[in-house]
Structures are given as C-alpha cells and as structure tokens.
C-alpha cells in the first residue's frame, strides 16, 4: 500500500437514498456495506473476495 489510509472515500448519498428509499435502517446498512466494500478495494480485494465476505 502506498499510503496507510485512503485520502477519502466518497459516498453518493442521493444514489444510496434512491436505492433504499426512506428507510433509515436500510440507509445505514447500505452506507455500512458500501464503506466496507470500498475499504476492501483499497486493501486489494477484488469483487469475488468481497462477495465471499458478503459485501460484494
């Protein structure tokens, strides 16, 4: 890894809201899953690795 942490992870809130609607619990879960997914990519995991971990 070039840097110890990514400079930033951008979450597109409107896209997440479009996906889950007005469900606050669904929104929180989708944010969590998306964040873990992006951290996984930063750590070098590919889509198959992420799918195996339930965050694909």
PDB file of N, CA and C in Angstrom:
ATOM      1  N   UNK A   1       0.846  -1.191   0.000  1.00  0.00           N
ATOM      2  CA  UNK A   1       0.000   0.000   0.000  1.00  0.00           C
ATOM      3  C   UNK A   1       0.879   1.237   0.000  1.00  0.00           C
ATOM      4  N   UNK A   2       0.556   2.158  -0.851  1.00  0.00           N
ATOM      5  CA  UNK A   2       1.347   3.375  -0.955  1.00  0.00           C
ATOM      6  C   UNK A   2       1.151   4.274   0.260  1.00  0.00           C
ATOM      7  N   UNK A   3      -0.079   4.409   0.705  1.00  0.00           N
ATOM      8  CA  UNK A   3      -0.405   5.242   1.859  1.00  0.00           C
ATOM      9  C   UNK A   3      -1.049   4.368   2.925  1.00  0.00           C
ATOM     10  N   UNK A   4      -0.889   4.723   4.198  1.00  0.00           N
ATOM     11  CA  UNK A   4      -1.505   3.896   5.239  1.00  0.00           C
ATOM     12  C   UNK A   4      -3.033   3.925   5.211  1.00  0.00           C
ATOM     13  N   UNK A   5      -3.620   5.008   4.771  1.00  0.00           N
ATOM     14  CA  UNK A   5      -5.073   5.139   4.691  1.00  0.00           C
ATOM     15  C   UNK A   5      -5.446   5.864   3.408  1.00  0.00           C
ATOM     16  N   UNK A   6      -6.621   5.579   2.854  1.00  0.00           N
ATOM     17  CA  UNK A   6      -7.042   6.335   1.666  1.00  0.00           C
ATOM     18  C   UNK A   6      -7.281   7.793   2.041  1.00  0.00           C
ATOM     19  N   UNK A   7      -7.033   8.668   1.104  1.00  0.00           N
ATOM     20  CA  UNK A   7      -7.252  10.084   1.353  1.00  0.00           C
ATOM     21  C   UNK A   7      -8.728  10.373   1.617  1.00  0.00           C
ATOM     22  N   UNK A   8      -9.595   9.686   0.885  1.00  0.00           N
ATOM     23  CA  UNK A   8     -11.031   9.909   1.057  1.00  0.00           C
ATOM     24  C   UNK A   8     -11.806   8.790   0.373  1.00  0.00           C
ATOM     25  N   UNK A   9     -12.946   8.490   0.929  1.00  0.00           N
ATOM     26  CA  UNK A   9     -13.918   7.612   0.285  1.00  0.00           C
ATOM     27  C   UNK A   9     -15.174   8.445   0.135  1.00  0.00           C
ATOM     28  N   UNK A  10     -15.646   8.573  -1.088  1.00  0.00           N
ATOM     29  CA  UNK A  10     -16.834   9.382  -1.359  1.00  0.00           C
ATOM     30  C   UNK A  10     -18.052   8.476  -1.462  1.00  0.00           C
ATOM     31  N   UNK A  11     -19.043   8.763  -0.653  1.00  0.00           N
ATOM     32  CA  UNK A  11     -20.309   8.048  -0.720  1.00  0.00           C
ATOM     33  C   UNK A  11     -21.337   8.985  -1.351  1.00  0.00           C
ATOM     34  N   UNK A  12     -22.022   8.503  -2.353  1.00  0.00           N
ATOM     35  CA  UNK A  12     -23.002   9.309  -3.050  1.00  0.00           C
ATOM     36  C   UNK A  12     -24.370   9.080  -2.404  1.00  0.00           C
ATOM     37  N   UNK A  13     -24.683   9.969  -1.469  1.00  0.00           N
ATOM     38  CA  UNK A  13     -25.852   9.829  -0.606  1.00  0.00           C
ATOM     39  C   UNK A  13     -27.146   9.740  -1.409  1.00  0.00           C
ATOM     40  N   UNK A  14     -27.279  10.537  -2.422  1.00  0.00           N
ATOM     41  CA  UNK A  14     -28.520  10.509  -3.216  1.00  0.00           C
ATOM     42  C   UNK A  14     -28.684   9.162  -3.918  1.00  0.00           C
ATOM     43  N   UNK A  15     -27.594   8.591  -4.402  1.00  0.00           N
ATOM     44  CA  UNK A  15     -27.686   7.269  -5.026  1.00  0.00           C
ATOM     45  C   UNK A  15     -28.110   6.220  -3.999  1.00  0.00           C
ATOM     46  N   UNK A  16     -27.576   6.321  -2.799  1.00  0.00           N
ATOM     47  CA  UNK A  16     -27.953   5.375  -1.744  1.00  0.00           C
ATOM     48  C   UNK A  16     -29.422   5.564  -1.381  1.00  0.00           C
ATOM     49  N   UNK A  17     -29.851   6.807  -1.256  1.00  0.00           N
ATOM     50  CA  UNK A  17     -31.265   7.072  -0.957  1.00  0.00           C
ATOM     51  C   UNK A  17     -32.177   6.539  -2.067  1.00  0.00           C
ATOM     52  N   UNK A  18     -31.758   6.697  -3.302  1.00  0.00           N
ATOM     53  CA  UNK A  18     -32.541   6.156  -4.422  1.00  0.00           C
ATOM     54  C   UNK A  18     -32.661   4.640  -4.311  1.00  0.00           C
ATOM     55  N   UNK A  19     -31.619   4.007  -3.837  1.00  0.00           N
ATOM     56  CA  UNK A  19     -31.600   2.542  -3.716  1.00  0.00           C
ATOM     57  C   UNK A  19     -32.491   2.041  -2.588  1.00  0.00           C
ATOM     58  N   UNK A  20     -32.458   2.702  -1.428  1.00  0.00           N
ATOM     59  CA  UNK A  20     -33.160   2.183  -0.242  1.00  0.00           C
ATOM     60  C   UNK A  20     -34.446   2.936   0.090  1.00  0.00           C
ATOM     61  N   UNK A  21     -34.670   4.063  -0.539  1.00  0.00           N
ATOM     62  CA  UNK A  21     -35.877   4.835  -0.237  1.00  0.00           C
ATOM     63  C   UNK A  21     -35.764   5.554   1.099  1.00  0.00           C
ATOM     64  N   UNK A  22     -36.875   5.656   1.802  1.00  0.00           N
ATOM     65  CA  UNK A  22     -36.928   6.432   3.042  1.00  0.00           C
ATOM     66  C   UNK A  22     -36.715   5.594   4.302  1.00  0.00           C
ATOM     67  N   UNK A  23     -36.135   4.427   4.161  1.00  0.00           N
ATOM     68  CA  UNK A  23     -35.922   3.532   5.290  1.00  0.00           C
ATOM     69  C   UNK A  23     -34.602   3.869   5.986  1.00  0.00           C
ATOM     70  N   UNK A  24     -34.646   4.487   7.181  1.00  0.00           N
ATOM     71  CA  UNK A  24     -33.402   4.870   7.868  1.00  0.00           C
ATOM     72  C   UNK A  24     -32.482   3.683   8.166  1.00  0.00           C
ATOM     73  N   UNK A  25     -33.049   2.562   8.591  1.00  0.00           N
ATOM     74  CA  UNK A  25     -32.216   1.385   8.886  1.00  0.00           C
ATOM     75  C   UNK A  25     -31.572   0.854   7.602  1.00  0.00           C
ATOM     76  N   UNK A  26     -32.337   0.840   6.516  1.00  0.00           N
ATOM     77  CA  UNK A  26     -31.797   0.407   5.228  1.00  0.00           C
ATOM     78  C   UNK A  26     -30.693   1.326   4.749  1.00  0.00           C
ATOM     79  N   UNK A  27     -30.873   2.625   4.974  1.00  0.00           N
ATOM     80  CA  UNK A  27     -29.860   3.607   4.592  1.00  0.00           C
ATOM     81  C   UNK A  27     -28.562   3.356   5.358  1.00  0.00           C
ATOM     82  N   UNK A  28     -28.669   3.193   6.670  1.00  0.00           N
ATOM     83  CA  UNK A  28     -27.473   2.936   7.485  1.00  0.00           C
ATOM     84  C   UNK A  28     -26.761   1.667   7.033  1.00  0.00           C
ATOM     85  N   UNK A  29     -27.523   0.623   6.769  1.00  0.00           N
ATOM     86  CA  UNK A  29     -26.921  -0.647   6.348  1.00  0.00           C
ATOM     87  C   UNK A  29     -26.239  -0.510   4.991  1.00  0.00           C
ATOM     88  N   UNK A  30     -26.864   0.223   4.077  1.00  0.00           N
ATOM     89  CA  UNK A  30     -26.256   0.402   2.751  1.00  0.00           C
ATOM     90  C   UNK A  30     -24.986   1.243   2.847  1.00  0.00           C
ATOM     91  N   UNK A  31     -24.982   2.274   3.695  1.00  0.00           N
ATOM     92  CA  UNK A  31     -23.764   3.067   3.903  1.00  0.00           C
ATOM     93  C   UNK A  31     -22.663   2.173   4.469  1.00  0.00           C
ATOM     94  N   UNK A  32     -22.996   1.357   5.460  1.00  0.00           N
ATOM     95  CA  UNK A  32     -22.017   0.447   6.068  1.00  0.00           C
ATOM     96  C   UNK A  32     -21.446  -0.505   5.027  1.00  0.00           C
ATOM     97  N   UNK A  33     -22.312  -1.128   4.251  1.00  0.00           N
ATOM     98  CA  UNK A  33     -21.874  -2.092   3.249  1.00  0.00           C
ATOM     99  C   UNK A  33     -21.007  -1.415   2.191  1.00  0.00           C
ATOM    100  N   UNK A  34     -21.419  -0.248   1.734  1.00  0.00           N
ATOM    101  CA  UNK A  34     -20.665   0.474   0.710  1.00  0.00           C
ATOM    102  C   UNK A  34     -19.292   0.870   1.234  1.00  0.00           C
ATOM    103  N   UNK A  35     -19.238   1.361   2.448  1.00  0.00           N
ATOM    104  CA  UNK A  35     -17.960   1.762   3.036  1.00  0.00           C
ATOM    105  C   UNK A  35     -17.026   0.558   3.178  1.00  0.00           C
ATOM    106  N   UNK A  36     -17.542  -0.560   3.701  1.00  0.00           N
ATOM    107  CA  UNK A  36     -16.718  -1.761   3.814  1.00  0.00           C
ATOM    108  C   UNK A  36     -16.250  -2.252   2.446  1.00  0.00           C
ATOM    109  N   UNK A  37     -17.120  -2.169   1.461  1.00  0.00           N
ATOM    110  CA  UNK A  37     -16.783  -2.572   0.093  1.00  0.00           C
ATOM    111  C   UNK A  37     -15.604  -1.740  -0.433  1.00  0.00           C
ATOM    112  N   UNK A  38     -15.689  -0.434  -0.261  1.00  0.00           N
ATOM    113  CA  UNK A  38     -14.631   0.448  -0.771  1.00  0.00           C
ATOM    114  C   UNK A  38     -13.329   0.272   0.001  1.00  0.00           C
ATOM    115  N   UNK A  39     -13.396   0.054   1.294  1.00  0.00           N
ATOM    116  CA  UNK A  39     -12.191  -0.235   2.072  1.00  0.00           C
ATOM    117  C   UNK A  39     -11.575  -1.547   1.592  1.00  0.00           C
ATOM    118  N   UNK A  40     -12.426  -2.515   1.298  1.00  0.00           N
ATOM    119  CA  UNK A  40     -11.934  -3.781   0.763  1.00  0.00           C
ATOM    120  C   UNK A  40     -11.155  -3.595  -0.522  1.00  0.00           C
ATOM    121  N   UNK A  41     -11.666  -2.772  -1.430  1.00  0.00           N
ATOM    122  CA  UNK A  41     -10.930  -2.493  -2.667  1.00  0.00           C
ATOM    123  C   UNK A  41      -9.592  -1.842  -2.347  1.00  0.00           C
ATOM    124  N   UNK A  42      -9.581  -0.906  -1.430  1.00  0.00           N
ATOM    125  CA  UNK A  42      -8.336  -0.241  -1.052  1.00  0.00           C
ATOM    126  C   UNK A  42      -7.314  -1.254  -0.543  1.00  0.00           C
ATOM    127  N   UNK A  43      -7.791  -2.268   0.163  1.00  0.00           N
ATOM    128  CA  UNK A  43      -6.902  -3.290   0.717  1.00  0.00           C
ATOM    129  C   UNK A  43      -6.533  -4.373  -0.293  1.00  0.00           C
ATOM    130  N   UNK A  44      -7.036  -4.224  -1.518  1.00  0.00           N
ATOM    131  CA  UNK A  44      -6.626  -5.117  -2.587  1.00  0.00           C
ATOM    132  C   UNK A  44      -7.583  -6.263  -2.884  1.00  0.00           C
ATOM    133  N   UNK A  45      -8.757  -6.263  -2.285  1.00  0.00           N
ATOM    134  CA  UNK A  45      -9.728  -7.323  -2.547  1.00  0.00           C
ATOM    135  C   UNK A  45     -10.444  -7.061  -3.872  1.00  0.00           C
ATOM    136  N   UNK A  46     -10.698  -8.121  -4.617  1.00  0.00           N
ATOM    137  CA  UNK A  46     -11.469  -7.965  -5.848  1.00  0.00           C
ATOM    138  C   UNK A  46     -12.936  -8.296  -5.572  1.00  0.00           C
ATOM    139  N   UNK A  47     -13.765  -8.216  -6.596  1.00  0.00           N
ATOM    140  CA  UNK A  47     -15.211  -8.421  -6.416  1.00  0.00           C
ATOM    141  C   UNK A  47     -15.533  -9.812  -5.871  1.00  0.00           C
ATOM    142  N   UNK A  48     -14.808 -10.825  -6.315  1.00  0.00           N
ATOM    143  CA  UNK A  48     -15.047 -12.179  -5.796  1.00  0.00           C
ATOM    144  C   UNK A  48     -14.740 -12.261  -4.303  1.00  0.00           C
ATOM    145  N   UNK A  49     -13.630 -11.633  -3.888  1.00  0.00           N
ATOM    146  CA  UNK A  49     -13.275 -11.608  -2.461  1.00  0.00           C
ATOM    147  C   UNK A  49     -14.356 -10.902  -1.650  1.00  0.00           C
ATOM    148  N   UNK A  50     -14.843  -9.788  -2.169  1.00  0.00           N
ATOM    149  CA  UNK A  50     -15.863  -9.012  -1.462  1.00  0.00           C
ATOM    150  C   UNK A  50     -17.178  -9.788  -1.388  1.00  0.00           C
ATOM    151  N   UNK A  51     -17.545 -10.446  -2.489  1.00  0.00           N
ATOM    152  CA  UNK A  51     -18.752 -11.274  -2.491  1.00  0.00           C
ATOM    153  C   UNK A  51     -18.662 -12.369  -1.434  1.00  0.00           C
ATOM    154  N   UNK A  52     -17.499 -12.988  -1.324  1.00  0.00           N
ATOM    155  CA  UNK A  52     -17.306 -14.069  -0.351  1.00  0.00           C
ATOM    156  C   UNK A  52     -17.459 -13.566   1.080  1.00  0.00           C
ATOM    157  N   UNK A  53     -17.231 -12.270   1.287  1.00  0.00           N
ATOM    158  CA  UNK A  53     -17.350 -11.671   2.613  1.00  0.00           C
ATOM    159  C   UNK A  53     -18.711 -11.008   2.844  1.00  0.00           C
ATOM    160  N   UNK A  54     -19.581 -11.108   1.836  1.00  0.00           N
ATOM    161  CA  UNK A  54     -20.916 -10.545   1.971  1.00  0.00           C
ATOM    162  C   UNK A  54     -21.012  -9.052   1.770  1.00  0.00           C
ATOM    163  N   UNK A  55     -19.986  -8.475   1.156  1.00  0.00           N
ATOM    164  CA  UNK A  55     -20.002  -7.032   0.908  1.00  0.00           C
ATOM    165  C   UNK A  55     -19.740  -6.734  -0.563  1.00  0.00           C
ATOM    166  N   UNK A  56     -20.204  -7.613  -1.426  1.00  0.00           N
ATOM    167  CA  UNK A  56     -19.966  -7.500  -2.865  1.00  0.00           C
ATOM    168  C   UNK A  56     -20.815  -6.581  -3.559  1.00  0.00           C
TER     169      UNK A  56
END
